[in-house]
Amino acid sequence: NVALILPNCMIDNLVKSTTGNWSATNKEQPHDVLFWRNFDKGILATRRGNDKAILFQKNKHSQRHLYDLEKDLSETTNLFKDNTAQFDQQKKEMKAWESELKDPVFMGLLGAKKKFNKKHK
């Protein structure tokens, strides 16, 4: 088992950012935009306000999703076709953010297992 230890202020800000649970004294969100990347699965995501955009780009045909988390917290209704301009803006931000990242150096045990299986067939 591995434990990740973060300062309380980081955990507090992350919880507030993802749940919208702001204190009475500070109504400001700590971040205007949140970004996620799952390198192995080719997924980028961003949240700006109540809008969450997800881009699945693993294969030739990318999938685009846009959700209004205030109205649809379970992400059941994809609003991409109804609001492509909002998605395109968030995609532009995702791509700019991603361009600043480095690819992972350690691909994890799943990557090692795939290489091992190919080598030992």
PDB file of N, CA and C in Angstrom:
ATOM      1  N   ASN A   1       0.829  -1.187   0.000  1.00  0.00           N
ATOM      2  CA  ASN A   1       0.000   0.000   0.000  1.00  0.00           C
ATOM      3  C   ASN A   1       0.868   1.243   0.000  1.00  0.00           C
ATOM      4  N   VAL A   2       0.403   2.256  -0.698  1.00  0.00           N
ATOM      5  CA  VAL A   2       1.123   3.515  -0.781  1.00  0.00           C
ATOM      6  C   VAL A   2       0.222   4.619  -0.266  1.00  0.00           C
ATOM      7  N   ALA A   3       0.750   5.478   0.569  1.00  0.00           N
ATOM      8  CA  ALA A   3      -0.010   6.612   1.085  1.00  0.00           C
ATOM      9  C   ALA A   3       0.565   7.885   0.505  1.00  0.00           C
ATOM     10  N   LEU A   4      -0.305   8.772   0.105  1.00  0.00           N
ATOM     11  CA  LEU A   4       0.109  10.081  -0.373  1.00  0.00           C
ATOM     12  C   LEU A   4      -0.254  11.085   0.699  1.00  0.00           C
ATOM     13  N   ILE A   5       0.743  11.791   1.192  1.00  0.00           N
ATOM     14  CA  ILE A   5       0.502  12.750   2.260  1.00  0.00           C
ATOM     15  C   ILE A   5       0.530  14.149   1.662  1.00  0.00           C
ATOM     16  N   LEU A   6      -0.578  14.856   1.823  1.00  0.00           N
ATOM     17  CA  LEU A   6      -0.705  16.213   1.323  1.00  0.00           C
ATOM     18  C   LEU A   6      -0.985  17.156   2.486  1.00  0.00           C
ATOM     19  N   PRO A   7      -0.528  18.387   2.400  1.00  0.00           N
ATOM     20  CA  PRO A   7      -0.882  19.350   3.448  1.00  0.00           C
ATOM     21  C   PRO A   7      -2.395  19.539   3.515  1.00  0.00           C
ATOM     22  N   ASN A   8      -2.900  19.813   4.704  1.00  0.00           N
ATOM     23  CA  ASN A   8      -4.347  19.983   4.884  1.00  0.00           C
ATOM     24  C   ASN A   8      -4.924  21.039   3.964  1.00  0.00           C
ATOM     25  N   CYS A   9      -4.185  22.121   3.710  1.00  0.00           N
ATOM     26  CA  CYS A   9      -4.713  23.175   2.846  1.00  0.00           C
ATOM     27  C   CYS A   9      -4.935  22.666   1.423  1.00  0.00           C
ATOM     28  N   MET A  10      -4.071  21.773   0.926  1.00  0.00           N
ATOM     29  CA  MET A  10      -4.253  21.223  -0.421  1.00  0.00           C
ATOM     30  C   MET A  10      -5.480  20.326  -0.478  1.00  0.00           C
ATOM     31  N   ILE A  11      -5.657  19.494   0.531  1.00  0.00           N
ATOM     32  CA  ILE A  11      -6.823  18.613   0.572  1.00  0.00           C
ATOM     33  C   ILE A  11      -8.094  19.440   0.682  1.00  0.00           C
ATOM     34  N   ASP A  12      -8.070  20.458   1.538  1.00  0.00           N
ATOM     35  CA  ASP A  12      -9.225  21.325   1.731  1.00  0.00           C
ATOM     36  C   ASP A  12      -9.610  22.010   0.425  1.00  0.00           C
ATOM     37  N   ASN A  13      -8.622  22.556  -0.296  1.00  0.00           N
ATOM     38  CA  ASN A  13      -8.907  23.216  -1.560  1.00  0.00           C
ATOM     39  C   ASN A  13      -9.417  22.243  -2.611  1.00  0.00           C
ATOM     40  N   LEU A  14      -8.880  21.028  -2.647  1.00  0.00           N
ATOM     41  CA  LEU A  14      -9.333  20.035  -3.613  1.00  0.00           C
ATOM     42  C   LEU A  14     -10.781  19.645  -3.334  1.00  0.00           C
ATOM     43  N   VAL A  15     -11.112  19.406  -2.068  1.00  0.00           N
ATOM     44  CA  VAL A  15     -12.492  19.055  -1.708  1.00  0.00           C
ATOM     45  C   VAL A  15     -13.434  20.193  -2.074  1.00  0.00           C
ATOM     46  N   LYS A  16     -13.043  21.406  -1.745  1.00  0.00           N
ATOM     47  CA  LYS A  16     -13.884  22.562  -2.069  1.00  0.00           C
ATOM     48  C   LYS A  16     -14.038  22.722  -3.575  1.00  0.00           C
ATOM     49  N   SER A  17     -12.970  22.488  -4.320  1.00  0.00           N
ATOM     50  CA  SER A  17     -13.021  22.655  -5.770  1.00  0.00           C
ATOM     51  C   SER A  17     -13.935  21.638  -6.425  1.00  0.00           C
ATOM     52  N   THR A  18     -13.945  20.433  -5.914  1.00  0.00           N
ATOM     53  CA  THR A  18     -14.732  19.380  -6.552  1.00  0.00           C
ATOM     54  C   THR A  18     -16.162  19.309  -6.046  1.00  0.00           C
ATOM     55  N   THR A  19     -16.405  19.773  -4.823  1.00  0.00           N
ATOM     56  CA  THR A  19     -17.763  19.688  -4.276  1.00  0.00           C
ATOM     57  C   THR A  19     -18.508  21.005  -4.312  1.00  0.00           C
ATOM     58  N   GLY A  20     -17.777  22.123  -4.489  1.00  0.00           N
ATOM     59  CA  GLY A  20     -18.417  23.436  -4.452  1.00  0.00           C
ATOM     60  C   GLY A  20     -18.772  23.868  -3.051  1.00  0.00           C
ATOM     61  N   ASN A  21     -18.206  23.212  -2.047  1.00  0.00           N
ATOM     62  CA  ASN A  21     -18.518  23.506  -0.647  1.00  0.00           C
ATOM     63  C   ASN A  21     -17.584  24.602  -0.140  1.00  0.00           C
ATOM     64  N   TRP A  22     -17.984  25.853  -0.331  1.00  0.00           N
ATOM     65  CA  TRP A  22     -17.154  26.987   0.057  1.00  0.00           C
ATOM     66  C   TRP A  22     -17.586  27.484   1.425  1.00  0.00           C
ATOM     67  N   SER A  23     -16.649  28.013   2.183  1.00  0.00           N
ATOM     68  CA  SER A  23     -16.968  28.540   3.506  1.00  0.00           C
ATOM     69  C   SER A  23     -17.737  29.847   3.371  1.00  0.00           C
ATOM     70  N   ALA A  24     -18.430  30.245   4.431  1.00  0.00           N
ATOM     71  CA  ALA A  24     -19.215  31.477   4.425  1.00  0.00           C
ATOM     72  C   ALA A  24     -18.320  32.701   4.276  1.00  0.00           C
ATOM     73  N   THR A  25     -17.081  32.603   4.736  1.00  0.00           N
ATOM     74  CA  THR A  25     -16.176  33.754   4.675  1.00  0.00           C
ATOM     75  C   THR A  25     -15.462  33.865   3.343  1.00  0.00           C
ATOM     76  N   ASN A  26     -15.326  32.777   2.612  1.00  0.00           N
ATOM     77  CA  ASN A  26     -14.598  32.810   1.350  1.00  0.00           C
ATOM     78  C   ASN A  26     -15.427  32.135   0.269  1.00  0.00           C
ATOM     79  N   LYS A  27     -16.151  32.936  -0.507  1.00  0.00           N
ATOM     80  CA  LYS A  27     -17.002  32.403  -1.578  1.00  0.00           C
ATOM     81  C   LYS A  27     -16.223  32.187  -2.877  1.00  0.00           C
ATOM     82  N   GLU A  28     -14.986  32.656  -2.922  1.00  0.00           N
ATOM     83  CA  GLU A  28     -14.169  32.528  -4.123  1.00  0.00           C
ATOM     84  C   GLU A  28     -13.646  31.107  -4.276  1.00  0.00           C
ATOM     85  N   GLN A  29     -13.713  30.600  -5.479  1.00  0.00           N
ATOM     86  CA  GLN A  29     -13.118  29.304  -5.756  1.00  0.00           C
ATOM     87  C   GLN A  29     -11.602  29.467  -5.784  1.00  0.00           C
ATOM     88  N   PRO A  30     -10.863  28.484  -5.269  1.00  0.00           N
ATOM     89  CA  PRO A  30      -9.405  28.612  -5.271  1.00  0.00           C
ATOM     90  C   PRO A  30      -8.803  28.557  -6.671  1.00  0.00           C
ATOM     91  N   HIS A  31      -9.535  28.004  -7.651  1.00  0.00           N
ATOM     92  CA  HIS A  31      -9.032  27.900  -9.023  1.00  0.00           C
ATOM     93  C   HIS A  31     -10.169  28.197  -9.985  1.00  0.00           C
ATOM     94  N   ASP A  32      -9.857  28.902 -11.066  1.00  0.00           N
ATOM     95  CA  ASP A  32     -10.865  29.159 -12.095  1.00  0.00           C
ATOM     96  C   ASP A  32     -11.175  27.900 -12.894  1.00  0.00           C
ATOM     97  N   VAL A  33     -10.131  27.101 -13.126  1.00  0.00           N
ATOM     98  CA  VAL A  33     -10.261  25.900 -13.948  1.00  0.00           C
ATOM     99  C   VAL A  33      -9.486  24.767 -13.290  1.00  0.00           C
ATOM    100  N   LEU A  34     -10.054  23.560 -13.346  1.00  0.00           N
ATOM    101  CA  LEU A  34      -9.352  22.353 -12.908  1.00  0.00           C
ATOM    102  C   LEU A  34      -9.125  21.475 -14.129  1.00  0.00           C
ATOM    103  N   PHE A  35      -7.953  20.820 -14.189  1.00  0.00           N
ATOM    104  CA  PHE A  35      -7.613  19.946 -15.304  1.00  0.00           C
ATOM    105  C   PHE A  35      -7.272  18.553 -14.793  1.00  0.00           C
ATOM    106  N   TRP A  36      -7.588  17.545 -15.609  1.00  0.00           N
ATOM    107  CA  TRP A  36      -7.211  16.158 -15.339  1.00  0.00           C
ATOM    108  C   TRP A  36      -6.653  15.566 -16.621  1.00  0.00           C
ATOM    109  N   ARG A  37      -5.767  14.599 -16.444  1.00  0.00           N
ATOM    110  CA  ARG A  37      -5.285  13.824 -17.591  1.00  0.00           C
ATOM    111  C   ARG A  37      -5.067  12.395 -17.151  1.00  0.00           C
ATOM    112  N   ASN A  38      -5.584  11.455 -17.928  1.00  0.00           N
ATOM    113  CA  ASN A  38      -5.280  10.043 -17.759  1.00  0.00           C
ATOM    114  C   ASN A  38      -4.503   9.658 -19.003  1.00  0.00           C
ATOM    115  N   PHE A  39      -3.190   9.648 -18.882  1.00  0.00           N
ATOM    116  CA  PHE A  39      -2.316   9.449 -20.035  1.00  0.00           C
ATOM    117  C   PHE A  39      -2.554   8.094 -20.695  1.00  0.00           C
ATOM    118  N   ASP A  40      -2.667   7.040 -19.892  1.00  0.00           N
ATOM    119  CA  ASP A  40      -2.830   5.681 -20.430  1.00  0.00           C
ATOM    120  C   ASP A  40      -4.091   5.527 -21.267  1.00  0.00           C
ATOM    121  N   LYS A  41      -5.156   6.185 -20.873  1.00  0.00           N
ATOM    122  CA  LYS A  41      -6.441   6.038 -21.558  1.00  0.00           C
ATOM    123  C   LYS A  41      -6.715   7.159 -22.555  1.00  0.00           C
ATOM    124  N   GLY A  42      -5.797   8.129 -22.650  1.00  0.00           N
ATOM    125  CA  GLY A  42      -5.981   9.222 -23.601  1.00  0.00           C
ATOM    126  C   GLY A  42      -7.134  10.138 -23.239  1.00  0.00           C
ATOM    127  N   ILE A  43      -7.308  10.412 -21.964  1.00  0.00           N
ATOM    128  CA  ILE A  43      -8.429  11.234 -21.505  1.00  0.00           C
ATOM    129  C   ILE A  43      -7.914  12.561 -20.963  1.00  0.00           C
ATOM    130  N   LEU A  44      -8.525  13.623 -21.419  1.00  0.00           N
ATOM    131  CA  LEU A  44      -8.319  14.954 -20.852  1.00  0.00           C
ATOM    132  C   LEU A  44      -9.668  15.454 -20.349  1.00  0.00           C
ATOM    133  N   ALA A  45      -9.648  16.179 -19.246  1.00  0.00           N
ATOM    134  CA  ALA A  45     -10.892  16.736 -18.727  1.00  0.00           C
ATOM    135  C   ALA A  45     -10.603  18.073 -18.073  1.00  0.00           C
ATOM    136  N   THR A  46     -11.612  18.912 -18.060  1.00  0.00           N
ATOM    137  CA  THR A  46     -11.499  20.206 -17.404  1.00  0.00           C
ATOM    138  C   THR A  46     -12.844  20.592 -16.802  1.00  0.00           C
ATOM    139  N   ARG A  47     -12.760  21.318 -15.711  1.00  0.00           N
ATOM    140  CA  ARG A  47     -13.967  21.863 -15.100  1.00  0.00           C
ATOM    141  C   ARG A  47     -13.790  23.365 -14.960  1.00  0.00           C
ATOM    142  N   ARG A  48     -14.730  24.096 -15.522  1.00  0.00           N
ATOM    143  CA  ARG A  48     -14.783  25.545 -15.395  1.00  0.00           C
ATOM    144  C   ARG A  48     -16.177  25.881 -14.887  1.00  0.00           C
ATOM    145  N   GLY A  49     -16.242  26.374 -13.646  1.00  0.00           N
ATOM    146  CA  GLY A  49     -17.554  26.636 -13.047  1.00  0.00           C
ATOM    147  C   GLY A  49     -18.320  25.333 -12.929  1.00  0.00           C
ATOM    148  N   ASN A  50     -19.528  25.306 -13.474  1.00  0.00           N
ATOM    149  CA  ASN A  50     -20.349  24.090 -13.434  1.00  0.00           C
ATOM    150  C   ASN A  50     -20.136  23.197 -14.648  1.00  0.00           C
ATOM    151  N   ASP A  51     -19.383  23.671 -15.634  1.00  0.00           N
ATOM    152  CA  ASP A  51     -19.202  22.923 -16.875  1.00  0.00           C
ATOM    153  C   ASP A  51     -17.986  22.010 -16.788  1.00  0.00           C
ATOM    154  N   LYS A  52     -18.203  20.737 -17.081  1.00  0.00           N
ATOM    155  CA  LYS A  52     -17.123  19.761 -17.131  1.00  0.00           C
ATOM    156  C   LYS A  52     -17.053  19.203 -18.546  1.00  0.00           C
ATOM    157  N   ALA A  53     -15.890  19.355 -19.164  1.00  0.00           N
ATOM    158  CA  ALA A  53     -15.662  18.847 -20.517  1.00  0.00           C
ATOM    159  C   ALA A  53     -14.687  17.685 -20.440  1.00  0.00           C
ATOM    160  N   ILE A  54     -14.968  16.623 -21.185  1.00  0.00           N
ATOM    161  CA  ILE A  54     -14.109  15.440 -21.214  1.00  0.00           C
ATOM    162  C   ILE A  54     -13.822  15.098 -22.670  1.00  0.00           C
ATOM    163  N   LEU A  55     -12.551  14.869 -22.970  1.00  0.00           N
ATOM    164  CA  LEU A  55     -12.125  14.493 -24.317  1.00  0.00           C
ATOM    165  C   LEU A  55     -11.438  13.143 -24.238  1.00  0.00           C
ATOM    166  N   PHE A  56     -12.028  12.141 -24.896  1.00  0.00           N
ATOM    167  CA  PHE A  56     -11.436  10.810 -25.000  1.00  0.00           C
ATOM    168  C   PHE A  56     -10.737  10.764 -26.356  1.00  0.00           C
ATOM    169  N   GLN A  57      -9.413  10.646 -26.374  1.00  0.00           N
ATOM    170  CA  GLN A  57      -8.674  10.724 -27.633  1.00  0.00           C
ATOM    171  C   GLN A  57      -7.725   9.558 -27.826  1.00  0.00           C
ATOM    172  N   LYS A  58      -8.093   8.391 -27.339  1.00  0.00           N
ATOM    173  CA  LYS A  58      -7.209   7.219 -27.414  1.00  0.00           C
ATOM    174  C   LYS A  58      -7.117   6.659 -28.831  1.00  0.00           C
ATOM    175  N   ASN A  59      -8.209   6.656 -29.543  1.00  0.00           N
ATOM    176  CA  ASN A  59      -8.189   6.078 -30.891  1.00  0.00           C
ATOM    177  C   ASN A  59      -8.443   7.170 -31.935  1.00  0.00           C
ATOM    178  N   LYS A  60      -8.672   6.791 -33.168  1.00  0.00           N
ATOM    179  CA  LYS A  60      -8.868   7.746 -34.261  1.00  0.00           C
ATOM    180  C   LYS A  60     -10.101   8.621 -34.053  1.00  0.00           C
ATOM    181  N   HIS A  61     -11.123   8.049 -33.440  1.00  0.00           N
ATOM    182  CA  HIS A  61     -12.389   8.763 -33.264  1.00  0.00           C
ATOM    183  C   HIS A  61     -12.487   9.269 -31.830  1.00  0.00           C
ATOM    184  N   SER A  62     -12.276  10.563 -31.647  1.00  0.00           N
ATOM    185  CA  SER A  62     -12.346  11.098 -30.297  1.00  0.00           C
ATOM    186  C   SER A  62     -13.815  11.247 -29.884  1.00  0.00           C
ATOM    187  N   GLN A  63     -14.048  11.090 -28.596  1.00  0.00           N
ATOM    188  CA  GLN A  63     -15.376  11.290 -28.025  1.00  0.00           C
ATOM    189  C   GLN A  63     -15.343  12.571 -27.208  1.00  0.00           C
ATOM    190  N   ARG A  64     -16.393  13.362 -27.323  1.00  0.00           N
ATOM    191  CA  ARG A  64     -16.455  14.635 -26.622  1.00  0.00           C
ATOM    192  C   ARG A  64     -17.692  14.664 -25.744  1.00  0.00           C
ATOM    193  N   HIS A  65     -17.474  15.054 -24.505  1.00  0.00           N
ATOM    194  CA  HIS A  65     -18.573  15.118 -23.548  1.00  0.00           C
ATOM    195  C   HIS A  65     -18.545  16.468 -22.844  1.00  0.00           C
ATOM    196  N   LEU A  66     -19.735  16.997 -22.579  1.00  0.00           N
ATOM    197  CA  LEU A  66     -19.875  18.238 -21.822  1.00  0.00           C
ATOM    198  C   LEU A  66     -21.053  18.067 -20.872  1.00  0.00           C
ATOM    199  N   TYR A  67     -20.825  18.371 -19.609  1.00  0.00           N
ATOM    200  CA  TYR A  67     -21.861  18.211 -18.597  1.00  0.00           C
ATOM    201  C   TYR A  67     -22.002  19.494 -17.783  1.00  0.00           C
ATOM    202  N   ASP A  68     -23.232  19.781 -17.370  1.00  0.00           N
ATOM    203  CA  ASP A  68     -23.506  20.858 -16.428  1.00  0.00           C
ATOM    204  C   ASP A  68     -23.661  20.196 -15.065  1.00  0.00           C
ATOM    205  N   LEU A  69     -22.637  20.280 -14.233  1.00  0.00           N
ATOM    206  CA  LEU A  69     -22.624  19.547 -12.967  1.00  0.00           C
ATOM    207  C   LEU A  69     -23.615  20.092 -11.950  1.00  0.00           C
ATOM    208  N   GLU A  70     -24.057  21.328 -12.130  1.00  0.00           N
ATOM    209  CA  GLU A  70     -25.070  21.863 -11.220  1.00  0.00           C
ATOM    210  C   GLU A  70     -26.411  21.167 -11.450  1.00  0.00           C
ATOM    211  N   LYS A  71     -26.722  20.859 -12.696  1.00  0.00           N
ATOM    212  CA  LYS A  71     -28.001  20.227 -13.045  1.00  0.00           C
ATOM    213  C   LYS A  71     -27.892  18.716 -13.202  1.00  0.00           C
ATOM    214  N   ASP A  72     -26.677  18.212 -13.454  1.00  0.00           N
ATOM    215  CA  ASP A  72     -26.487  16.804 -13.799  1.00  0.00           C
ATOM    216  C   ASP A  72     -25.198  16.277 -13.168  1.00  0.00           C
ATOM    217  N   LEU A  73     -25.196  16.158 -11.855  1.00  0.00           N
ATOM    218  CA  LEU A  73     -23.995  15.749 -11.130  1.00  0.00           C
ATOM    219  C   LEU A  73     -23.542  14.339 -11.507  1.00  0.00           C
ATOM    220  N   SER A  74     -24.470  13.492 -11.919  1.00  0.00           N
ATOM    221  CA  SER A  74     -24.139  12.108 -12.296  1.00  0.00           C
ATOM    222  C   SER A  74     -23.612  11.983 -13.721  1.00  0.00           C
ATOM    223  N   GLU A  75     -23.551  13.091 -14.448  1.00  0.00           N
ATOM    224  CA  GLU A  75     -23.032  13.103 -15.816  1.00  0.00           C
ATOM    225  C   GLU A  75     -23.763  12.108 -16.716  1.00  0.00           C
ATOM    226  N   THR A  76     -25.085  12.239 -16.760  1.00  0.00           N
ATOM    227  CA  THR A  76     -25.898  11.336 -17.577  1.00  0.00           C
ATOM    228  C   THR A  76     -26.320  11.951 -18.906  1.00  0.00           C
ATOM    229  N   THR A  77     -26.317  13.286 -19.004  1.00  0.00           N
ATOM    230  CA  THR A  77     -26.775  13.961 -20.213  1.00  0.00           C
ATOM    231  C   THR A  77     -25.624  14.728 -20.852  1.00  0.00           C
ATOM    232  N   ASN A  78     -25.159  14.230 -21.985  1.00  0.00           N
ATOM    233  CA  ASN A  78     -24.057  14.864 -22.698  1.00  0.00           C
ATOM    234  C   ASN A  78     -24.594  16.074 -23.471  1.00  0.00           C
ATOM    235  N   LEU A  79     -24.120  17.267 -23.118  1.00  0.00           N
ATOM    236  CA  LEU A  79     -24.582  18.512 -23.732  1.00  0.00           C
ATOM    237  C   LEU A  79     -23.685  18.985 -24.874  1.00  0.00           C
ATOM    238  N   PHE A  80     -22.761  18.145 -25.306  1.00  0.00           N
ATOM    239  CA  PHE A  80     -21.796  18.560 -26.322  1.00  0.00           C
ATOM    240  C   PHE A  80     -22.475  19.118 -27.570  1.00  0.00           C
ATOM    241  N   LYS A  81     -23.447  18.404 -28.116  1.00  0.00           N
ATOM    242  CA  LYS A  81     -24.089  18.838 -29.362  1.00  0.00           C
ATOM    243  C   LYS A  81     -24.867  20.142 -29.184  1.00  0.00           C
ATOM    244  N   ASP A  82     -25.343  20.389 -27.967  1.00  0.00           N
ATOM    245  CA  ASP A  82     -26.115  21.609 -27.699  1.00  0.00           C
ATOM    246  C   ASP A  82     -25.230  22.822 -27.425  1.00  0.00           C
ATOM    247  N   ASN A  83     -23.967  22.579 -27.066  1.00  0.00           N
ATOM    248  CA  ASN A  83     -23.110  23.696 -26.675  1.00  0.00           C
ATOM    249  C   ASN A  83     -21.664  23.435 -27.107  1.00  0.00           C
ATOM    250  N   THR A  84     -21.470  23.301 -28.413  1.00  0.00           N
ATOM    251  CA  THR A  84     -20.131  23.010 -28.924  1.00  0.00           C
ATOM    252  C   THR A  84     -19.155  24.162 -28.661  1.00  0.00           C
ATOM    253  N   ALA A  85     -19.658  25.393 -28.626  1.00  0.00           N
ATOM    254  CA  ALA A  85     -18.771  26.541 -28.386  1.00  0.00           C
ATOM    255  C   ALA A  85     -18.134  26.450 -26.997  1.00  0.00           C
ATOM    256  N   GLN A  86     -18.926  26.078 -25.996  1.00  0.00           N
ATOM    257  CA  GLN A  86     -18.382  25.932 -24.637  1.00  0.00           C
ATOM    258  C   GLN A  86     -17.363  24.801 -24.599  1.00  0.00           C
ATOM    259  N   PHE A  87     -17.688  23.673 -25.239  1.00  0.00           N
ATOM    260  CA  PHE A  87     -16.743  22.559 -25.270  1.00  0.00           C
ATOM    261  C   PHE A  87     -15.458  22.966 -25.981  1.00  0.00           C
ATOM    262  N   ASP A  88     -15.574  23.639 -27.129  1.00  0.00           N
ATOM    263  CA  ASP A  88     -14.388  24.031 -27.896  1.00  0.00           C
ATOM    264  C   ASP A  88     -13.484  24.957 -27.087  1.00  0.00           C
ATOM    265  N   GLN A  89     -14.079  25.862 -26.302  1.00  0.00           N
ATOM    266  CA  GLN A  89     -13.287  26.753 -25.461  1.00  0.00           C
ATOM    267  C   GLN A  89     -12.520  25.947 -24.404  1.00  0.00           C
ATOM    268  N   GLN A  90     -13.216  25.009 -23.755  1.00  0.00           N
ATOM    269  CA  GLN A  90     -12.557  24.196 -22.735  1.00  0.00           C
ATOM    270  C   GLN A  90     -11.532  23.250 -23.355  1.00  0.00           C
ATOM    271  N   LYS A  91     -11.790  22.762 -24.553  1.00  0.00           N
ATOM    272  CA  LYS A  91     -10.817  21.902 -25.240  1.00  0.00           C
ATOM    273  C   LYS A  91      -9.553  22.697 -25.544  1.00  0.00           C
ATOM    274  N   LYS A  92      -9.709  23.923 -25.971  1.00  0.00           N
ATOM    275  CA  LYS A  92      -8.562  24.786 -26.249  1.00  0.00           C
ATOM    276  C   LYS A  92      -7.717  24.956 -24.980  1.00  0.00           C
ATOM    277  N   GLU A  93      -8.378  25.160 -23.846  1.00  0.00           N
ATOM    278  CA  GLU A  93      -7.664  25.285 -22.570  1.00  0.00           C
ATOM    279  C   GLU A  93      -6.984  23.973 -22.189  1.00  0.00           C
ATOM    280  N   MET A  94      -7.687  22.844 -22.405  1.00  0.00           N
ATOM    281  CA  MET A  94      -7.095  21.536 -22.102  1.00  0.00           C
ATOM    282  C   MET A  94      -5.824  21.313 -22.902  1.00  0.00           C
ATOM    283  N   LYS A  95      -5.887  21.603 -24.200  1.00  0.00           N
ATOM    284  CA  LYS A  95      -4.744  21.371 -25.080  1.00  0.00           C
ATOM    285  C   LYS A  95      -3.574  22.280 -24.699  1.00  0.00           C
ATOM    286  N   ALA A  96      -3.857  23.519 -24.332  1.00  0.00           N
ATOM    287  CA  ALA A  96      -2.796  24.434 -23.900  1.00  0.00           C
ATOM    288  C   ALA A  96      -2.146  23.913 -22.620  1.00  0.00           C
ATOM    289  N   TRP A  97      -2.971  23.453 -21.685  1.00  0.00           N
ATOM    290  CA  TRP A  97      -2.451  22.895 -20.428  1.00  0.00           C
ATOM    291  C   TRP A  97      -1.631  21.640 -20.703  1.00  0.00           C
ATOM    292  N   GLU A  98      -2.157  20.749 -21.556  1.00  0.00           N
ATOM    293  CA  GLU A  98      -1.473  19.493 -21.858  1.00  0.00           C
ATOM    294  C   GLU A  98      -0.117  19.743 -22.526  1.00  0.00           C
ATOM    295  N   SER A  99      -0.029  20.791 -23.330  1.00  0.00           N
ATOM    296  CA  SER A  99       1.230  21.073 -24.025  1.00  0.00           C
ATOM    297  C   SER A  99       2.353  21.429 -23.052  1.00  0.00           C
ATOM    298  N   GLU A 100       2.011  21.812 -21.830  1.00  0.00           N
ATOM    299  CA  GLU A 100       3.007  22.154 -20.814  1.00  0.00           C
ATOM    300  C   GLU A 100       3.460  20.929 -20.011  1.00  0.00           C
ATOM    301  N   LEU A 101       2.777  19.789 -20.179  1.00  0.00           N
ATOM    302  CA  LEU A 101       3.082  18.589 -19.400  1.00  0.00           C
ATOM    303  C   LEU A 101       4.107  17.714 -20.105  1.00  0.00           C
ATOM    304  N   LYS A 102       4.806  16.941 -19.313  1.00  0.00           N
ATOM    305  CA  LYS A 102       5.710  15.931 -19.859  1.00  0.00           C
ATOM    306  C   LYS A 102       4.992  14.586 -19.832  1.00  0.00           C
ATOM    307  N   ASP A 103       5.330  13.723 -20.773  1.00  0.00           N
ATOM    308  CA  ASP A 103       4.783  12.369 -20.735  1.00  0.00           C
ATOM    309  C   ASP A 103       5.355  11.656 -19.515  1.00  0.00           C
ATOM    310  N   PRO A 104       4.588  10.738 -18.938  1.00  0.00           N
ATOM    311  CA  PRO A 104       5.086  10.008 -17.767  1.00  0.00           C
ATOM    312  C   PRO A 104       6.368   9.249 -18.083  1.00  0.00           C
ATOM    313  N   VAL A 105       7.272   9.221 -17.134  1.00  0.00           N
ATOM    314  CA  VAL A 105       8.519   8.468 -17.280  1.00  0.00           C
ATOM    315  C   VAL A 105       8.284   7.019 -16.894  1.00  0.00           C
ATOM    316  N   PHE A 106       7.558   6.799 -15.815  1.00  0.00           N
ATOM    317  CA  PHE A 106       7.240   5.456 -15.337  1.00  0.00           C
ATOM    318  C   PHE A 106       5.812   5.139 -15.734  1.00  0.00           C
ATOM    319  N   MET A 107       5.626   4.161 -16.579  1.00  0.00           N
ATOM    320  CA  MET A 107       4.297   3.828 -17.085  1.00  0.00           C
ATOM    321  C   MET A 107       3.516   2.906 -16.171  1.00  0.00           C
ATOM    322  N   GLY A 108       4.072   2.603 -15.019  1.00  0.00           N
ATOM    323  CA  GLY A 108       3.348   1.779 -14.068  1.00  0.00           C
ATOM    324  C   GLY A 108       3.496   0.302 -14.349  1.00  0.00           C
ATOM    325  N   LEU A 109       2.901  -0.475 -13.496  1.00  0.00           N
ATOM    326  CA  LEU A 109       3.031  -1.926 -13.606  1.00  0.00           C
ATOM    327  C   LEU A 109       2.262  -2.486 -14.789  1.00  0.00           C
ATOM    328  N   LEU A 110       1.169  -1.833 -15.204  1.00  0.00           N
ATOM    329  CA  LEU A 110       0.432  -2.331 -16.360  1.00  0.00           C
ATOM    330  C   LEU A 110       1.279  -2.255 -17.622  1.00  0.00           C
ATOM    331  N   GLY A 111       2.007  -1.138 -17.796  1.00  0.00           N
ATOM    332  CA  GLY A 111       2.894  -1.008 -18.948  1.00  0.00           C
ATOM    333  C   GLY A 111       4.002  -2.038 -18.919  1.00  0.00           C
ATOM    334  N   ALA A 112       4.562  -2.286 -17.754  1.00  0.00           N
ATOM    335  CA  ALA A 112       5.624  -3.281 -17.610  1.00  0.00           C
ATOM    336  C   ALA A 112       5.094  -4.682 -17.912  1.00  0.00           C
ATOM    337  N   LYS A 113       3.867  -4.955 -17.480  1.00  0.00           N
ATOM    338  CA  LYS A 113       3.263  -6.271 -17.714  1.00  0.00           C
ATOM    339  C   LYS A 113       3.057  -6.505 -19.218  1.00  0.00           C
ATOM    340  N   LYS A 114       2.602  -5.481 -19.945  1.00  0.00           N
ATOM    341  CA  LYS A 114       2.397  -5.612 -21.387  1.00  0.00           C
ATOM    342  C   LYS A 114       3.713  -5.913 -22.093  1.00  0.00           C
ATOM    343  N   LYS A 115       4.771  -5.185 -21.724  1.00  0.00           N
ATOM    344  CA  LYS A 115       6.088  -5.422 -22.335  1.00  0.00           C
ATOM    345  C   LYS A 115       6.586  -6.817 -22.022  1.00  0.00           C
ATOM    346  N   PHE A 116       6.382  -7.271 -20.772  1.00  0.00           N
ATOM    347  CA  PHE A 116       6.812  -8.596 -20.361  1.00  0.00           C
ATOM    348  C   PHE A 116       6.075  -9.656 -21.166  1.00  0.00           C
ATOM    349  N   ASN A 117       4.765  -9.502 -21.311  1.00  0.00           N
ATOM    350  CA  ASN A 117       3.971 -10.493 -22.031  1.00  0.00           C
ATOM    351  C   ASN A 117       4.360 -10.571 -23.503  1.00  0.00           C
ATOM    352  N   LYS A 118       4.642  -9.431 -24.135  1.00  0.00           N
ATOM    353  CA  LYS A 118       5.065  -9.440 -25.543  1.00  0.00           C
ATOM    354  C   LYS A 118       6.422 -10.125 -25.697  1.00  0.00           C
ATOM    355  N   LYS A 119       7.310  -9.854 -24.777  1.00  0.00           N
ATOM    356  CA  LYS A 119       8.670 -10.385 -24.864  1.00  0.00           C
ATOM    357  C   LYS A 119       8.701 -11.889 -24.607  1.00  0.00           C
ATOM    358  N   HIS A 120       7.795 -12.401 -23.818  1.00  0.00           N
ATOM    359  CA  HIS A 120       7.825 -13.803 -23.394  1.00  0.00           C
ATOM    360  C   HIS A 120       6.729 -14.649 -24.011  1.00  0.00           C
ATOM    361  N   LYS A 121       6.290 -14.317 -25.200  1.00  0.00           N
ATOM    362  CA  LYS A 121       5.268 -15.132 -25.884  1.00  0.00           C
ATOM    363  C   LYS A 121       5.913 -16.277 -26.589  1.00  0.00           C
TER     364      LYS A 121
END
